[in-house]
Amino acid sequence: MKVIRIVDLQAFLIIITFLITGIILAIISALGFKGIKAFRNLSYVFILKALGDVFLLIAMFFKYYLEFRLIYVISISSYGYSYLASVVVLAAWLHKELYEEKGRMALLSFAPLLAVTYVPMEKVYSLIIAGFHVGLTTAVSFYAVFLSLKMARKRKGGSLLWVLGAIYAILIAIAPTGSVIITLLSLISPSPIYDIIFVLMVFLIDVVSIIIYLYYRKVIMPILAQVL
């Protein structure tokens, strides 16, 4: 157990507040789409995002309260790959909707090489892992953006839903990239404010997920009810 500064405690409380709220929003969205067969894959997307938030919450706990570096690294990497899995599910679903194909997507990623004088090892591991999954997540995210916008053009009814899907995918791409930038900034000038900024980015994704669900519930469902 390490000694916690007041400023770190305040930062941690802000972080867990946003993360827990985000997890709740993502779960509400996931449960809302679970019973809708046509959009069941969105439920999986939001559940995987919530799982990533849980891993991030664990990582922040070990970062601020305990010094188990291995668990911190494992949690951070698990958060990243949960995000990657969520956007893979989103892209695969959109791809199937558009093309009715089940082809495999070939993705390449290059981890950045960093030359620094001294960096704590958990930061090095985090950056290497982050560099790998950022490339993958960004590639799949922008493919999902492309498919979402194509769906918006192809299916005029409810086109805003697909635009929101594109925004969601863009934010999923930005969050891991932001984590790498924030890790680098924390090496130059350590400050809990970087973690707060990062968690706010993550929280924004969950806000978009609940907007997607509410738009479907309040706008699209009444229209479908009239048609059917």
C-alpha atoms as a PDB file:
ATOM      1  CA  MET A   1       0.000   0.000   0.000  1.00  0.00           C
ATOM      2  CA  LYS A   2       1.567   3.286  -1.005  1.00  0.00           C
ATOM      3  CA  VAL A   3       1.048   6.737   0.491  1.00  0.00           C
ATOM      4  CA  ILE A   4      -1.619   8.664  -1.423  1.00  0.00           C
ATOM      5  CA  ARG A   5      -1.381  12.417  -1.880  1.00  0.00           C
ATOM      6  CA  ILE A   6      -4.570  14.454  -1.499  1.00  0.00           C
ATOM      7  CA  VAL A   7      -4.411  15.559  -5.138  1.00  0.00           C
ATOM      8  CA  ASP A   8      -4.081  11.916  -6.241  1.00  0.00           C
ATOM      9  CA  LEU A   9      -7.028  10.909  -4.057  1.00  0.00           C
ATOM     10  CA  GLN A  10      -9.171  13.655  -5.579  1.00  0.00           C
ATOM     11  CA  ALA A  11      -8.124  12.610  -9.074  1.00  0.00           C
ATOM     12  CA  PHE A  12      -8.890   8.965  -8.302  1.00  0.00           C
ATOM     13  CA  LEU A  13     -12.374   9.817  -7.018  1.00  0.00           C
ATOM     14  CA  ILE A  14     -13.118  11.795 -10.195  1.00  0.00           C
ATOM     15  CA  ILE A  15     -11.781   8.944 -12.328  1.00  0.00           C
ATOM     16  CA  ILE A  16     -13.829   6.197 -10.672  1.00  0.00           C
ATOM     17  CA  THR A  17     -16.962   8.372 -10.765  1.00  0.00           C
ATOM     18  CA  PHE A  18     -16.746   8.787 -14.537  1.00  0.00           C
ATOM     19  CA  LEU A  19     -15.718   5.166 -15.108  1.00  0.00           C
ATOM     20  CA  ILE A  20     -18.522   3.687 -13.001  1.00  0.00           C
ATOM     21  CA  THR A  21     -21.066   6.030 -14.609  1.00  0.00           C
ATOM     22  CA  GLY A  22     -19.759   5.041 -18.035  1.00  0.00           C
ATOM     23  CA  ILE A  23     -20.003   1.333 -17.194  1.00  0.00           C
ATOM     24  CA  ILE A  24     -23.622   1.810 -16.098  1.00  0.00           C
ATOM     25  CA  LEU A  25     -24.483   3.705 -19.318  1.00  0.00           C
ATOM     26  CA  ALA A  26     -22.844   1.024 -21.470  1.00  0.00           C
ATOM     27  CA  ILE A  27     -24.684  -1.772 -19.651  1.00  0.00           C
ATOM     28  CA  ILE A  28     -28.032   0.040 -19.981  1.00  0.00           C
ATOM     29  CA  SER A  29     -27.408   0.419 -23.721  1.00  0.00           C
ATOM     30  CA  ALA A  30     -26.362  -3.239 -24.041  1.00  0.00           C
ATOM     31  CA  LEU A  31     -29.429  -4.520 -22.196  1.00  0.00           C
ATOM     32  CA  GLY A  32     -31.654  -2.241 -24.266  1.00  0.00           C
ATOM     33  CA  PHE A  33     -30.464  -3.800 -27.541  1.00  0.00           C
ATOM     34  CA  LYS A  34     -30.204  -7.379 -26.222  1.00  0.00           C
ATOM     35  CA  GLY A  35     -33.805  -8.276 -27.009  1.00  0.00           C
ATOM     36  CA  ILE A  36     -33.768  -6.693 -30.478  1.00  0.00           C
ATOM     37  CA  LYS A  37     -32.593  -9.353 -32.934  1.00  0.00           C
ATOM     38  CA  ALA A  38     -31.590  -6.937 -35.709  1.00  0.00           C
ATOM     39  CA  PHE A  39     -29.365  -4.940 -33.337  1.00  0.00           C
ATOM     40  CA  ARG A  40     -28.192  -7.691 -30.982  1.00  0.00           C
ATOM     41  CA  ASN A  41     -24.592  -7.206 -32.100  1.00  0.00           C
ATOM     42  CA  LEU A  42     -24.695  -3.667 -30.704  1.00  0.00           C
ATOM     43  CA  SER A  43     -25.390  -5.257 -27.338  1.00  0.00           C
ATOM     44  CA  TYR A  44     -22.124  -7.218 -27.631  1.00  0.00           C
ATOM     45  CA  VAL A  45     -20.270  -4.055 -28.681  1.00  0.00           C
ATOM     46  CA  PHE A  46     -21.421  -2.135 -25.599  1.00  0.00           C
ATOM     47  CA  ILE A  47     -20.800  -5.079 -23.232  1.00  0.00           C
ATOM     48  CA  LEU A  48     -17.200  -5.385 -24.464  1.00  0.00           C
ATOM     49  CA  LYS A  49     -16.783  -1.624 -24.022  1.00  0.00           C
ATOM     50  CA  ALA A  50     -18.103  -1.894 -20.446  1.00  0.00           C
ATOM     51  CA  LEU A  51     -15.681  -4.769 -19.816  1.00  0.00           C
ATOM     52  CA  GLY A  52     -12.846  -2.543 -21.031  1.00  0.00           C
ATOM     53  CA  ASP A  53     -13.962   0.142 -18.576  1.00  0.00           C
ATOM     54  CA  VAL A  54     -13.874  -2.414 -15.749  1.00  0.00           C
ATOM     55  CA  PHE A  55     -10.288  -3.348 -16.640  1.00  0.00           C
ATOM     56  CA  LEU A  56      -9.395   0.354 -16.769  1.00  0.00           C
ATOM     57  CA  LEU A  57     -10.959   0.854 -13.326  1.00  0.00           C
ATOM     58  CA  ILE A  58      -8.840  -2.012 -11.956  1.00  0.00           C
ATOM     59  CA  ALA A  59      -5.721  -0.517 -13.554  1.00  0.00           C
ATOM     60  CA  MET A  60      -6.377   2.888 -12.008  1.00  0.00           C
ATOM     61  CA  PHE A  61      -6.906   1.294  -8.585  1.00  0.00           C
ATOM     62  CA  PHE A  62      -3.553  -0.459  -8.734  1.00  0.00           C
ATOM     63  CA  LYS A  63      -1.885   2.661 -10.112  1.00  0.00           C
ATOM     64  CA  TYR A  64      -3.068   4.938  -7.299  1.00  0.00           C
ATOM     65  CA  TYR A  65      -3.333   2.586  -4.312  1.00  0.00           C
ATOM     66  CA  LEU A  66      -1.121  -0.460  -4.778  1.00  0.00           C
ATOM     67  CA  GLU A  67       2.204  -1.097  -6.454  1.00  0.00           C
ATOM     68  CA  PHE A  68       1.485  -4.348  -8.268  1.00  0.00           C
ATOM     69  CA  ARG A  69       2.953  -3.255 -11.592  1.00  0.00           C
ATOM     70  CA  LEU A  70       2.268  -6.538 -13.375  1.00  0.00           C
ATOM     71  CA  ILE A  71      -1.459  -6.382 -12.564  1.00  0.00           C
ATOM     72  CA  TYR A  72      -1.527  -2.739 -13.730  1.00  0.00           C
ATOM     73  CA  VAL A  73       0.047  -3.689 -17.069  1.00  0.00           C
ATOM     74  CA  ILE A  74      -2.257  -6.701 -17.510  1.00  0.00           C
ATOM     75  CA  SER A  75      -5.323  -4.567 -16.716  1.00  0.00           C
ATOM     76  CA  ILE A  76      -4.305  -1.781 -19.105  1.00  0.00           C
ATOM     77  CA  SER A  77      -3.627  -4.246 -21.919  1.00  0.00           C
ATOM     78  CA  SER A  78      -6.937  -6.047 -21.226  1.00  0.00           C
ATOM     79  CA  TYR A  79      -8.750  -2.689 -21.435  1.00  0.00           C
ATOM     80  CA  GLY A  80      -7.168  -2.034 -24.828  1.00  0.00           C
ATOM     81  CA  TYR A  81      -8.018  -5.413 -26.267  1.00  0.00           C
ATOM     82  CA  SER A  82     -11.586  -5.218 -24.950  1.00  0.00           C
ATOM     83  CA  TYR A  83     -11.980  -1.989 -26.928  1.00  0.00           C
ATOM     84  CA  LEU A  84     -10.430  -3.688 -29.940  1.00  0.00           C
ATOM     85  CA  ALA A  85     -12.851  -6.612 -29.605  1.00  0.00           C
ATOM     86  CA  SER A  86     -15.824  -4.242 -29.367  1.00  0.00           C
ATOM     87  CA  VAL A  87     -14.950  -2.402 -32.554  1.00  0.00           C
ATOM     88  CA  VAL A  88     -14.162  -5.694 -34.359  1.00  0.00           C
ATOM     89  CA  VAL A  89     -17.686  -6.903 -33.525  1.00  0.00           C
ATOM     90  CA  LEU A  90     -19.105  -3.571 -34.741  1.00  0.00           C
ATOM     91  CA  ALA A  91     -17.157  -3.659 -38.016  1.00  0.00           C
ATOM     92  CA  ALA A  92     -17.929  -7.341 -38.657  1.00  0.00           C
ATOM     93  CA  TRP A  93     -21.645  -6.757 -38.097  1.00  0.00           C
ATOM     94  CA  LEU A  94     -21.724  -3.725 -40.410  1.00  0.00           C
ATOM     95  CA  HIS A  95     -19.685  -5.583 -43.030  1.00  0.00           C
ATOM     96  CA  LYS A  96     -22.141  -8.484 -42.962  1.00  0.00           C
ATOM     97  CA  GLU A  97     -25.104  -6.094 -43.134  1.00  0.00           C
ATOM     98  CA  LEU A  98     -23.694  -4.383 -46.211  1.00  0.00           C
ATOM     99  CA  TYR A  99     -22.088  -7.202 -48.138  1.00  0.00           C
ATOM    100  CA  GLU A 100     -23.429 -10.446 -46.604  1.00  0.00           C
ATOM    101  CA  GLU A 101     -19.872 -11.740 -46.666  1.00  0.00           C
ATOM    102  CA  LYS A 102     -17.876 -13.421 -43.947  1.00  0.00           C
ATOM    103  CA  GLY A 103     -14.400 -12.764 -45.250  1.00  0.00           C
ATOM    104  CA  ARG A 104     -11.517 -12.321 -42.849  1.00  0.00           C
ATOM    105  CA  MET A 105     -10.036  -8.873 -42.412  1.00  0.00           C
ATOM    106  CA  ALA A 106      -6.265  -8.678 -42.719  1.00  0.00           C
ATOM    107  CA  LEU A 107      -4.918  -6.085 -40.301  1.00  0.00           C
ATOM    108  CA  LEU A 108      -1.352  -4.914 -39.786  1.00  0.00           C
ATOM    109  CA  SER A 109       0.051  -2.892 -36.916  1.00  0.00           C
ATOM    110  CA  PHE A 110       3.430  -1.490 -36.048  1.00  0.00           C
ATOM    111  CA  ALA A 111       4.404  -0.887 -32.417  1.00  0.00           C
ATOM    112  CA  PRO A 112       6.384   2.340 -31.914  1.00  0.00           C
ATOM    113  CA  LEU A 113       9.996   2.129 -30.782  1.00  0.00           C
ATOM    114  CA  LEU A 114      10.828   4.590 -28.018  1.00  0.00           C
ATOM    115  CA  ALA A 115      14.308   5.761 -27.073  1.00  0.00           C
ATOM    116  CA  VAL A 116      14.350   7.360 -23.618  1.00  0.00           C
ATOM    117  CA  THR A 117      16.925   7.716 -20.881  1.00  0.00           C
ATOM    118  CA  TYR A 118      14.871   6.288 -18.019  1.00  0.00           C
ATOM    119  CA  VAL A 119      11.283   5.116 -17.947  1.00  0.00           C
ATOM    120  CA  PRO A 120       9.608   2.934 -15.287  1.00  0.00           C
ATOM    121  CA  MET A 121       9.232  -0.574 -16.698  1.00  0.00           C
ATOM    122  CA  GLU A 122       5.450  -0.661 -16.324  1.00  0.00           C
ATOM    123  CA  LYS A 123       5.314   2.428 -18.567  1.00  0.00           C
ATOM    124  CA  VAL A 124       7.513   0.704 -21.159  1.00  0.00           C
ATOM    125  CA  TYR A 125       5.310  -2.395 -21.182  1.00  0.00           C
ATOM    126  CA  SER A 126       2.164  -0.266 -21.327  1.00  0.00           C
ATOM    127  CA  LEU A 127       3.483   1.724 -24.289  1.00  0.00           C
ATOM    128  CA  ILE A 128       4.552  -1.375 -26.225  1.00  0.00           C
ATOM    129  CA  ILE A 129       1.202  -3.081 -25.675  1.00  0.00           C
ATOM    130  CA  ALA A 130      -0.681   0.154 -26.362  1.00  0.00           C
ATOM    131  CA  GLY A 131       1.261   0.745 -29.571  1.00  0.00           C
ATOM    132  CA  PHE A 132       0.225  -2.663 -30.850  1.00  0.00           C
ATOM    133  CA  HIS A 133      -3.466  -2.491 -30.037  1.00  0.00           C
ATOM    134  CA  VAL A 134      -3.742   1.178 -31.078  1.00  0.00           C
ATOM    135  CA  GLY A 135      -2.786   0.199 -34.621  1.00  0.00           C
ATOM    136  CA  LEU A 136      -5.288  -2.637 -34.721  1.00  0.00           C
ATOM    137  CA  THR A 137      -8.072  -0.664 -33.064  1.00  0.00           C
ATOM    138  CA  THR A 138      -7.562   2.353 -35.326  1.00  0.00           C
ATOM    139  CA  ALA A 139      -7.592   0.195 -38.457  1.00  0.00           C
ATOM    140  CA  VAL A 140     -10.795  -1.617 -37.520  1.00  0.00           C
ATOM    141  CA  SER A 141     -12.417   1.566 -36.164  1.00  0.00           C
ATOM    142  CA  PHE A 142     -12.007   3.478 -39.398  1.00  0.00           C
ATOM    143  CA  TYR A 143     -13.287   0.491 -41.343  1.00  0.00           C
ATOM    144  CA  ALA A 144     -16.355   0.595 -39.076  1.00  0.00           C
ATOM    145  CA  VAL A 145     -16.654   4.350 -39.717  1.00  0.00           C
ATOM    146  CA  PHE A 146     -16.571   3.728 -43.480  1.00  0.00           C
ATOM    147  CA  LEU A 147     -19.245   1.026 -43.198  1.00  0.00           C
ATOM    148  CA  SER A 148     -21.423   3.145 -40.889  1.00  0.00           C
ATOM    149  CA  LEU A 149     -21.413   6.089 -43.282  1.00  0.00           C
ATOM    150  CA  LYS A 150     -22.107   3.769 -46.199  1.00  0.00           C
ATOM    151  CA  MET A 151     -25.077   2.363 -44.275  1.00  0.00           C
ATOM    152  CA  ALA A 152     -26.297   5.930 -43.674  1.00  0.00           C
ATOM    153  CA  ARG A 153     -26.254   6.582 -47.428  1.00  0.00           C
ATOM    154  CA  LYS A 154     -27.705   3.211 -48.405  1.00  0.00           C
ATOM    155  CA  ARG A 155     -30.478   3.061 -45.816  1.00  0.00           C
ATOM    156  CA  LYS A 156     -31.975   6.515 -45.607  1.00  0.00           C
ATOM    157  CA  GLY A 157     -34.404   5.493 -42.864  1.00  0.00           C
ATOM    158  CA  GLY A 158     -32.729   6.004 -39.507  1.00  0.00           C
ATOM    159  CA  SER A 159     -29.558   7.307 -41.129  1.00  0.00           C
ATOM    160  CA  LEU A 160     -28.700   9.264 -37.972  1.00  0.00           C
ATOM    161  CA  LEU A 161     -28.333   5.919 -36.168  1.00  0.00           C
ATOM    162  CA  TRP A 162     -25.523   4.933 -38.527  1.00  0.00           C
ATOM    163  CA  VAL A 163     -23.886   8.354 -38.238  1.00  0.00           C
ATOM    164  CA  LEU A 164     -23.896   7.904 -34.452  1.00  0.00           C
ATOM    165  CA  GLY A 165     -22.314   4.494 -35.039  1.00  0.00           C
ATOM    166  CA  ALA A 166     -19.556   6.200 -37.019  1.00  0.00           C
ATOM    167  CA  ILE A 167     -18.976   8.692 -34.185  1.00  0.00           C
ATOM    168  CA  TYR A 168     -18.809   5.802 -31.705  1.00  0.00           C
ATOM    169  CA  ALA A 169     -16.187   4.037 -33.845  1.00  0.00           C
ATOM    170  CA  ILE A 170     -14.137   7.243 -34.195  1.00  0.00           C
ATOM    171  CA  LEU A 171     -14.113   7.719 -30.410  1.00  0.00           C
ATOM    172  CA  ILE A 172     -13.068   4.077 -29.941  1.00  0.00           C
ATOM    173  CA  ALA A 173     -10.123   4.821 -32.256  1.00  0.00           C
ATOM    174  CA  ILE A 174      -9.202   8.036 -30.430  1.00  0.00           C
ATOM    175  CA  ALA A 175      -9.274   6.632 -26.875  1.00  0.00           C
ATOM    176  CA  PRO A 176      -6.331   4.179 -27.178  1.00  0.00           C
ATOM    177  CA  THR A 177      -4.323   6.770 -29.117  1.00  0.00           C
ATOM    178  CA  GLY A 178      -5.039   9.242 -26.337  1.00  0.00           C
ATOM    179  CA  SER A 179      -3.817   6.722 -23.769  1.00  0.00           C
ATOM    180  CA  VAL A 180      -0.432   6.496 -25.522  1.00  0.00           C
ATOM    181  CA  ILE A 181      -0.109  10.298 -25.749  1.00  0.00           C
ATOM    182  CA  ILE A 182      -1.103  10.700 -22.102  1.00  0.00           C
ATOM    183  CA  THR A 183       1.397   8.028 -21.021  1.00  0.00           C
ATOM    184  CA  LEU A 184       4.140   9.913 -22.859  1.00  0.00           C
ATOM    185  CA  LEU A 185       3.072  13.216 -21.288  1.00  0.00           C
ATOM    186  CA  SER A 186       3.070  11.626 -17.832  1.00  0.00           C
ATOM    187  CA  LEU A 187       6.690  10.601 -18.388  1.00  0.00           C
ATOM    188  CA  ILE A 188       7.641  14.212 -19.110  1.00  0.00           C
ATOM    189  CA  SER A 189       5.554  15.747 -16.327  1.00  0.00           C
ATOM    190  CA  PRO A 190       3.708  13.293 -14.021  1.00  0.00           C
ATOM    191  CA  SER A 191       0.246  14.567 -13.119  1.00  0.00           C
ATOM    192  CA  PRO A 192      -3.121  12.922 -12.305  1.00  0.00           C
ATOM    193  CA  ILE A 193      -4.817  15.448 -14.600  1.00  0.00           C
ATOM    194  CA  TYR A 194      -3.725  13.315 -17.583  1.00  0.00           C
ATOM    195  CA  ASP A 195      -5.626  10.324 -16.203  1.00  0.00           C
ATOM    196  CA  ILE A 196      -8.716  12.486 -15.685  1.00  0.00           C
ATOM    197  CA  ILE A 197      -8.582  13.741 -19.297  1.00  0.00           C
ATOM    198  CA  PHE A 198      -8.193  10.187 -20.560  1.00  0.00           C
ATOM    199  CA  VAL A 199     -11.110   8.864 -18.493  1.00  0.00           C
ATOM    200  CA  LEU A 200     -13.293  11.729 -19.757  1.00  0.00           C
ATOM    201  CA  MET A 201     -12.527  10.566 -23.315  1.00  0.00           C
ATOM    202  CA  VAL A 202     -13.563   7.035 -22.342  1.00  0.00           C
ATOM    203  CA  PHE A 203     -16.732   8.344 -20.663  1.00  0.00           C
ATOM    204  CA  LEU A 204     -17.699  10.229 -23.827  1.00  0.00           C
ATOM    205  CA  ILE A 205     -17.870   6.900 -25.696  1.00  0.00           C
ATOM    206  CA  ASP A 206     -20.412   5.601 -23.172  1.00  0.00           C
ATOM    207  CA  VAL A 207     -22.445   8.796 -23.561  1.00  0.00           C
ATOM    208  CA  VAL A 208     -22.629   8.145 -27.320  1.00  0.00           C
ATOM    209  CA  SER A 209     -23.730   4.546 -26.665  1.00  0.00           C
ATOM    210  CA  ILE A 210     -26.679   5.680 -24.544  1.00  0.00           C
ATOM    211  CA  ILE A 211     -27.588   8.311 -27.177  1.00  0.00           C
ATOM    212  CA  ILE A 212     -27.643   5.538 -29.813  1.00  0.00           C
ATOM    213  CA  TYR A 213     -29.960   3.453 -27.641  1.00  0.00           C
ATOM    214  CA  LEU A 214     -32.274   6.373 -26.797  1.00  0.00           C
ATOM    215  CA  TYR A 215     -32.457   7.417 -30.464  1.00  0.00           C
ATOM    216  CA  TYR A 216     -33.478   3.894 -31.441  1.00  0.00           C
ATOM    217  CA  ARG A 217     -35.942   3.639 -28.560  1.00  0.00           C
ATOM    218  CA  LYS A 218     -37.574   7.057 -28.953  1.00  0.00           C
ATOM    219  CA  VAL A 219     -37.394   7.621 -32.736  1.00  0.00           C
ATOM    220  CA  ILE A 220     -36.957   4.394 -34.685  1.00  0.00           C
ATOM    221  CA  MET A 221     -39.078   1.994 -32.599  1.00  0.00           C
ATOM    222  CA  PRO A 222     -42.279   4.121 -32.828  1.00  0.00           C
ATOM    223  CA  ILE A 223     -41.848   4.312 -36.629  1.00  0.00           C
ATOM    224  CA  LEU A 224     -41.327   0.550 -36.873  1.00  0.00           C
ATOM    225  CA  ALA A 225     -44.384  -0.019 -34.685  1.00  0.00           C
ATOM    226  CA  GLN A 226     -46.537   2.012 -37.107  1.00  0.00           C
ATOM    227  CA  VAL A 227     -45.165   0.220 -40.177  1.00  0.00           C
ATOM    228  CA  LEU A 228     -45.474  -3.265 -38.691  1.00  0.00           C
END
